[in-house]
Amino acid sequence: GDTMFALTYRYLAAKHHPRLKELLD
């Protein structure tokens, strides 16, 4: 489960969206 949590951020940040900070926040 901990590994899956880390993978979540990898996929959320996979593309450089103009509003990536808002997305991650």
PDB file of all heavy atoms in Angstrom:
ATOM      1  N   GLY A   1       0.817  -1.209   0.000  1.00  0.00           N
ATOM      2  CA  GLY A   1       0.000   0.000   0.000  1.00  0.00           C
ATOM      3  C   GLY A   1       0.849   1.257   0.000  1.00  0.00           C
ATOM      4  O   GLY A   1       0.568   2.215  -0.728  1.00  0.00           O
ATOM      5  N   ASP A   2       1.908   1.264   0.793  1.00  0.00           N
ATOM      6  CA  ASP A   2       2.806   2.424   0.822  1.00  0.00           C
ATOM      7  C   ASP A   2       3.409   2.685  -0.562  1.00  0.00           C
ATOM      8  O   ASP A   2       3.569   3.837  -0.995  1.00  0.00           O
ATOM      9  CB  ASP A   2       3.930   2.198   1.830  1.00  0.00           C
ATOM     10  CG  ASP A   2       3.440   2.213   3.277  1.00  0.00           C
ATOM     11  OD1 ASP A   2       2.305   2.669   3.508  1.00  0.00           O
ATOM     12  OD2 ASP A   2       4.190   1.763   4.156  1.00  0.00           O
ATOM     13  N   THR A   3       3.757   1.606  -1.248  1.00  0.00           N
ATOM     14  CA  THR A   3       4.316   1.740  -2.596  1.00  0.00           C
ATOM     15  C   THR A   3       3.285   2.323  -3.549  1.00  0.00           C
ATOM     16  O   THR A   3       3.611   3.160  -4.401  1.00  0.00           O
ATOM     17  CB  THR A   3       4.801   0.373  -3.107  1.00  0.00           C
ATOM     18  OG1 THR A   3       5.736  -0.168  -2.161  1.00  0.00           O
ATOM     19  CG2 THR A   3       5.484   0.498  -4.463  1.00  0.00           C
ATOM     20  N   MET A   4       2.046   1.914  -3.396  1.00  0.00           N
ATOM     21  CA  MET A   4       0.971   2.447  -4.239  1.00  0.00           C
ATOM     22  C   MET A   4       0.779   3.946  -3.994  1.00  0.00           C
ATOM     23  O   MET A   4       0.515   4.713  -4.923  1.00  0.00           O
ATOM     24  CB  MET A   4      -0.324   1.680  -3.985  1.00  0.00           C
ATOM     25  CG  MET A   4      -0.261   0.237  -4.475  1.00  0.00           C
ATOM     26  SD  MET A   4      -1.625  -0.789  -3.878  1.00  0.00           S
ATOM     27  CE  MET A   4      -2.974  -0.187  -4.891  1.00  0.00           C
ATOM     28  N   PHE A   5       0.930   4.359  -2.737  1.00  0.00           N
ATOM     29  CA  PHE A   5       0.820   5.793  -2.448  1.00  0.00           C
ATOM     30  C   PHE A   5       1.909   6.569  -3.183  1.00  0.00           C
ATOM     31  O   PHE A   5       1.657   7.638  -3.749  1.00  0.00           O
ATOM     32  CB  PHE A   5       0.927   6.023  -0.939  1.00  0.00           C
ATOM     33  CG  PHE A   5       0.688   7.452  -0.531  1.00  0.00           C
ATOM     34  CD1 PHE A   5      -0.597   7.920  -0.324  1.00  0.00           C
ATOM     35  CD2 PHE A   5       1.739   8.340  -0.366  1.00  0.00           C
ATOM     36  CE1 PHE A   5      -0.837   9.238   0.043  1.00  0.00           C
ATOM     37  CE2 PHE A   5       1.524   9.652   0.003  1.00  0.00           C
ATOM     38  CZ  PHE A   5       0.225  10.107   0.212  1.00  0.00           C
ATOM     39  N   ALA A   6       3.121   6.032  -3.193  1.00  0.00           N
ATOM     40  CA  ALA A   6       4.212   6.695  -3.919  1.00  0.00           C
ATOM     41  C   ALA A   6       3.941   6.720  -5.419  1.00  0.00           C
ATOM     42  O   ALA A   6       4.195   7.733  -6.099  1.00  0.00           O
ATOM     43  CB  ALA A   6       5.534   5.978  -3.626  1.00  0.00           C
ATOM     44  N   LEU A   7       3.416   5.621  -5.953  1.00  0.00           N
ATOM     45  CA  LEU A   7       3.096   5.558  -7.379  1.00  0.00           C
ATOM     46  C   LEU A   7       2.043   6.590  -7.768  1.00  0.00           C
ATOM     47  O   LEU A   7       2.047   7.097  -8.894  1.00  0.00           O
ATOM     48  CB  LEU A   7       2.610   4.157  -7.755  1.00  0.00           C
ATOM     49  CG  LEU A   7       3.664   3.050  -7.819  1.00  0.00           C
ATOM     50  CD1 LEU A   7       2.988   1.686  -7.961  1.00  0.00           C
ATOM     51  CD2 LEU A   7       4.629   3.297  -8.986  1.00  0.00           C
ATOM     52  N   THR A   8       1.160   6.907  -6.838  1.00  0.00           N
ATOM     53  CA  THR A   8       0.117   7.904  -7.118  1.00  0.00           C
ATOM     54  C   THR A   8       0.735   9.212  -7.586  1.00  0.00           C
ATOM     55  O   THR A   8       0.317   9.793  -8.596  1.00  0.00           O
ATOM     56  CB  THR A   8      -0.731   8.149  -5.853  1.00  0.00           C
ATOM     57  OG1 THR A   8      -1.401   6.949  -5.507  1.00  0.00           O
ATOM     58  CG2 THR A   8      -1.760   9.239  -6.111  1.00  0.00           C
ATOM     59  N   TYR A   9       1.749   9.693  -6.871  1.00  0.00           N
ATOM     60  CA  TYR A   9       2.370  10.971  -7.247  1.00  0.00           C
ATOM     61  C   TYR A   9       3.083  10.858  -8.591  1.00  0.00           C
ATOM     62  O   TYR A   9       3.100  11.824  -9.374  1.00  0.00           O
ATOM     63  CB  TYR A   9       3.342  11.421  -6.150  1.00  0.00           C
ATOM     64  CG  TYR A   9       2.646  12.153  -5.033  1.00  0.00           C
ATOM     65  CD1 TYR A   9       2.317  11.509  -3.845  1.00  0.00           C
ATOM     66  CD2 TYR A   9       2.277  13.483  -5.174  1.00  0.00           C
ATOM     67  CE1 TYR A   9       1.659  12.178  -2.821  1.00  0.00           C
ATOM     68  CE2 TYR A   9       1.625  14.165  -4.161  1.00  0.00           C
ATOM     69  CZ  TYR A   9       1.313  13.502  -2.988  1.00  0.00           C
ATOM     70  OH  TYR A   9       0.652  14.176  -1.991  1.00  0.00           O
ATOM     71  N   ARG A  10       3.666   9.702  -8.871  1.00  0.00           N
ATOM     72  CA  ARG A  10       4.323   9.532 -10.172  1.00  0.00           C
ATOM     73  C   ARG A  10       3.317   9.747 -11.310  1.00  0.00           C
ATOM     74  O   ARG A  10       3.629  10.420 -12.303  1.00  0.00           O
ATOM     75  CB  ARG A  10       4.939   8.146 -10.266  1.00  0.00           C
ATOM     76  CG  ARG A  10       5.526   7.833 -11.656  1.00  0.00           C
ATOM     77  CD  ARG A  10       6.154   6.455 -11.719  1.00  0.00           C
ATOM     78  NE  ARG A  10       7.378   6.408 -10.924  1.00  0.00           N
ATOM     79  CZ  ARG A  10       8.081   5.297 -10.704  1.00  0.00           C
ATOM     80  NH1 ARG A  10       7.662   4.136 -11.193  1.00  0.00           N
ATOM     81  NH2 ARG A  10       9.195   5.335 -10.008  1.00  0.00           N
ATOM     82  N   TYR A  11       2.139   9.202 -11.153  1.00  0.00           N
ATOM     83  CA  TYR A  11       1.140   9.307 -12.230  1.00  0.00           C
ATOM     84  C   TYR A  11       0.475  10.683 -12.257  1.00  0.00           C
ATOM     85  O   TYR A  11       0.172  11.216 -13.333  1.00  0.00           O
ATOM     86  CB  TYR A  11       0.105   8.193 -12.094  1.00  0.00           C
ATOM     87  CG  TYR A  11       0.616   6.891 -12.678  1.00  0.00           C
ATOM     88  CD1 TYR A  11       1.357   6.006 -11.903  1.00  0.00           C
ATOM     89  CD2 TYR A  11       0.408   6.571 -14.015  1.00  0.00           C
ATOM     90  CE1 TYR A  11       1.869   4.840 -12.444  1.00  0.00           C
ATOM     91  CE2 TYR A  11       0.916   5.409 -14.560  1.00  0.00           C
ATOM     92  CZ  TYR A  11       1.649   4.546 -13.775  1.00  0.00           C
ATOM     93  OH  TYR A  11       2.160   3.386 -14.319  1.00  0.00           O
ATOM     94  N   LEU A  12       0.257  11.279 -11.102  1.00  0.00           N
ATOM     95  CA  LEU A  12      -0.347  12.608 -11.086  1.00  0.00           C
ATOM     96  C   LEU A  12       0.572  13.639 -11.744  1.00  0.00           C
ATOM     97  O   LEU A  12       0.102  14.593 -12.378  1.00  0.00           O
ATOM     98  CB  LEU A  12      -0.651  13.035  -9.652  1.00  0.00           C
ATOM     99  CG  LEU A  12      -1.843  12.357  -8.971  1.00  0.00           C
ATOM    100  CD1 LEU A  12      -1.897  12.742  -7.499  1.00  0.00           C
ATOM    101  CD2 LEU A  12      -3.155  12.735  -9.653  1.00  0.00           C
ATOM    102  N   ALA A  13       1.864  13.452 -11.603  1.00  0.00           N
ATOM    103  CA  ALA A  13       2.835  14.414 -12.139  1.00  0.00           C
ATOM    104  C   ALA A  13       3.459  13.947 -13.447  1.00  0.00           C
ATOM    105  O   ALA A  13       4.462  14.504 -13.891  1.00  0.00           O
ATOM    106  CB  ALA A  13       3.933  14.669 -11.103  1.00  0.00           C
ATOM    107  N   ALA A  14       2.844  12.944 -14.087  1.00  0.00           N
ATOM    108  CA  ALA A  14       3.431  12.365 -15.306  1.00  0.00           C
ATOM    109  C   ALA A  14       3.469  13.364 -16.454  1.00  0.00           C
ATOM    110  O   ALA A  14       4.357  13.316 -17.301  1.00  0.00           O
ATOM    111  CB  ALA A  14       2.652  11.120 -15.727  1.00  0.00           C
ATOM    112  N   LYS A  15       2.494  14.273 -16.494  1.00  0.00           N
ATOM    113  CA  LYS A  15       2.468  15.297 -17.544  1.00  0.00           C
ATOM    114  C   LYS A  15       2.599  16.670 -16.897  1.00  0.00           C
ATOM    115  O   LYS A  15       2.093  16.897 -15.792  1.00  0.00           O
ATOM    116  CB  LYS A  15       1.159  15.224 -18.333  1.00  0.00           C
ATOM    117  CG  LYS A  15       1.074  14.029 -19.277  1.00  0.00           C
ATOM    118  CD  LYS A  15      -0.144  14.149 -20.179  1.00  0.00           C
ATOM    119  CE  LYS A  15      -0.178  13.024 -21.211  1.00  0.00           C
ATOM    120  NZ  LYS A  15      -1.374  13.119 -22.077  1.00  0.00           N
ATOM    121  N   HIS A  16       3.253  17.563 -17.608  1.00  0.00           N
ATOM    122  CA  HIS A  16       3.425  18.908 -17.067  1.00  0.00           C
ATOM    123  C   HIS A  16       2.210  19.760 -17.449  1.00  0.00           C
ATOM    124  O   HIS A  16       2.198  20.470 -18.446  1.00  0.00           O
ATOM    125  CB  HIS A  16       4.705  19.561 -17.594  1.00  0.00           C
ATOM    126  CG  HIS A  16       4.931  20.919 -17.015  1.00  0.00           C
ATOM    127  ND1 HIS A  16       5.238  21.112 -15.688  1.00  0.00           N
ATOM    128  CD2 HIS A  16       4.862  22.154 -17.586  1.00  0.00           C
ATOM    129  CE1 HIS A  16       5.363  22.401 -15.469  1.00  0.00           C
ATOM    130  NE2 HIS A  16       5.144  23.057 -16.600  1.00  0.00           N
ATOM    131  N   HIS A  17       1.166  19.665 -16.638  1.00  0.00           N
ATOM    132  CA  HIS A  17      -0.017  20.484 -16.859  1.00  0.00           C
ATOM    133  C   HIS A  17       0.266  21.912 -16.383  1.00  0.00           C
ATOM    134  O   HIS A  17       0.989  22.109 -15.395  1.00  0.00           O
ATOM    135  CB  HIS A  17      -1.207  19.917 -16.088  1.00  0.00           C
ATOM    136  CG  HIS A  17      -1.545  18.509 -16.465  1.00  0.00           C
ATOM    137  ND1 HIS A  17      -2.072  18.181 -17.689  1.00  0.00           N
ATOM    138  CD2 HIS A  17      -1.427  17.345 -15.776  1.00  0.00           C
ATOM    139  CE1 HIS A  17      -2.264  16.879 -17.739  1.00  0.00           C
ATOM    140  NE2 HIS A  17      -1.874  16.346 -16.601  1.00  0.00           N
ATOM    141  N   PRO A  18      -0.316  22.900 -17.044  1.00  0.00           N
ATOM    142  CA  PRO A  18      -0.100  24.287 -16.614  1.00  0.00           C
ATOM    143  C   PRO A  18      -0.508  24.532 -15.162  1.00  0.00           C
ATOM    144  O   PRO A  18       0.038  25.400 -14.505  1.00  0.00           O
ATOM    145  CB  PRO A  18      -0.993  25.090 -17.574  1.00  0.00           C
ATOM    146  CG  PRO A  18      -1.128  24.214 -18.783  1.00  0.00           C
ATOM    147  CD  PRO A  18      -1.112  22.817 -18.271  1.00  0.00           C
ATOM    148  N   ARG A  19      -1.447  23.725 -14.659  1.00  0.00           N
ATOM    149  CA  ARG A  19      -1.926  23.927 -13.291  1.00  0.00           C
ATOM    150  C   ARG A  19      -1.544  22.735 -12.400  1.00  0.00           C
ATOM    151  O   ARG A  19      -2.294  22.320 -11.530  1.00  0.00           O
ATOM    152  CB  ARG A  19      -3.439  24.151 -13.312  1.00  0.00           C
ATOM    153  CG  ARG A  19      -3.790  25.418 -14.088  1.00  0.00           C
ATOM    154  CD  ARG A  19      -5.253  25.519 -14.447  1.00  0.00           C
ATOM    155  NE  ARG A  19      -6.062  25.926 -13.310  1.00  0.00           N
ATOM    156  CZ  ARG A  19      -7.370  26.168 -13.392  1.00  0.00           C
ATOM    157  NH1 ARG A  19      -7.982  26.037 -14.563  1.00  0.00           N
ATOM    158  NH2 ARG A  19      -8.054  26.535 -12.332  1.00  0.00           N
ATOM    159  N   LEU A  20      -0.345  22.222 -12.651  1.00  0.00           N
ATOM    160  CA  LEU A  20       0.108  21.037 -11.927  1.00  0.00           C
ATOM    161  C   LEU A  20       0.165  21.276 -10.420  1.00  0.00           C
ATOM    162  O   LEU A  20      -0.189  20.392  -9.624  1.00  0.00           O
ATOM    163  CB  LEU A  20       1.480  20.599 -12.444  1.00  0.00           C
ATOM    164  CG  LEU A  20       2.067  19.325 -11.817  1.00  0.00           C
ATOM    165  CD1 LEU A  20       1.146  18.130 -12.035  1.00  0.00           C
ATOM    166  CD2 LEU A  20       3.457  19.041 -12.374  1.00  0.00           C
ATOM    167  N   LYS A  21       0.615  22.474  -9.998  1.00  0.00           N
ATOM    168  CA  LYS A  21       0.694  22.736  -8.559  1.00  0.00           C
ATOM    169  C   LYS A  21      -0.688  22.673  -7.926  1.00  0.00           C
ATOM    170  O   LYS A  21      -0.861  22.086  -6.849  1.00  0.00           O
ATOM    171  CB  LYS A  21       1.329  24.091  -8.284  1.00  0.00           C
ATOM    172  CG  LYS A  21       1.526  24.342  -6.785  1.00  0.00           C
ATOM    173  CD  LYS A  21       2.168  25.677  -6.489  1.00  0.00           C
ATOM    174  CE  LYS A  21       2.455  25.833  -4.995  1.00  0.00           C
ATOM    175  NZ  LYS A  21       1.271  25.626  -4.141  1.00  0.00           N
ATOM    176  N   GLU A  22      -1.691  23.270  -8.586  1.00  0.00           N
ATOM    177  CA  GLU A  22      -3.056  23.201  -8.058  1.00  0.00           C
ATOM    178  C   GLU A  22      -3.527  21.750  -7.976  1.00  0.00           C
ATOM    179  O   GLU A  22      -4.180  21.341  -7.006  1.00  0.00           O
ATOM    180  CB  GLU A  22      -4.021  23.988  -8.950  1.00  0.00           C
ATOM    181  CG  GLU A  22      -3.913  25.491  -8.865  1.00  0.00           C
ATOM    182  CD  GLU A  22      -4.869  26.159  -9.825  1.00  0.00           C
ATOM    183  OE1 GLU A  22      -6.082  26.180  -9.553  1.00  0.00           O
ATOM    184  OE2 GLU A  22      -4.397  26.646 -10.874  1.00  0.00           O
ATOM    185  N   LEU A  23      -3.194  20.996  -9.000  1.00  0.00           N
ATOM    186  CA  LEU A  23      -3.584  19.590  -9.047  1.00  0.00           C
ATOM    187  C   LEU A  23      -2.982  18.832  -7.866  1.00  0.00           C
ATOM    188  O   LEU A  23      -3.681  18.111  -7.142  1.00  0.00           O
ATOM    189  CB  LEU A  23      -3.128  18.996 -10.377  1.00  0.00           C
ATOM    190  CG  LEU A  23      -3.519  17.572 -10.764  1.00  0.00           C
ATOM    191  CD1 LEU A  23      -3.446  17.411 -12.282  1.00  0.00           C
ATOM    192  CD2 LEU A  23      -2.605  16.541 -10.110  1.00  0.00           C
ATOM    193  N   LEU A  24      -1.668  18.997  -7.657  1.00  0.00           N
ATOM    194  CA  LEU A  24      -0.997  18.283  -6.581  1.00  0.00           C
ATOM    195  C   LEU A  24      -1.448  18.783  -5.209  1.00  0.00           C
ATOM    196  O   LEU A  24      -1.588  17.986  -4.261  1.00  0.00           O
ATOM    197  CB  LEU A  24       0.517  18.413  -6.721  1.00  0.00           C
ATOM    198  CG  LEU A  24       1.131  17.702  -7.942  1.00  0.00           C
ATOM    199  CD1 LEU A  24       2.625  17.985  -8.023  1.00  0.00           C
ATOM    200  CD2 LEU A  24       0.882  16.196  -7.887  1.00  0.00           C
ATOM    201  N   ASP A  25      -1.680  20.095  -5.080  1.00  0.00           N
ATOM    202  CA  ASP A  25      -2.182  20.638  -3.810  1.00  0.00           C
ATOM    203  C   ASP A  25      -3.558  20.061  -3.486  1.00  0.00           C
ATOM    204  O   ASP A  25      -3.854  19.723  -2.331  1.00  0.00           O
ATOM    205  CB  ASP A  25      -2.263  22.161  -3.866  1.00  0.00           C
ATOM    206  CG  ASP A  25      -0.902  22.839  -3.777  1.00  0.00           C
ATOM    207  OD1 ASP A  25       0.089  22.150  -3.437  1.00  0.00           O
ATOM    208  OD2 ASP A  25      -0.823  24.052  -4.056  1.00  0.00           O
TER     209      ASP A  25
END
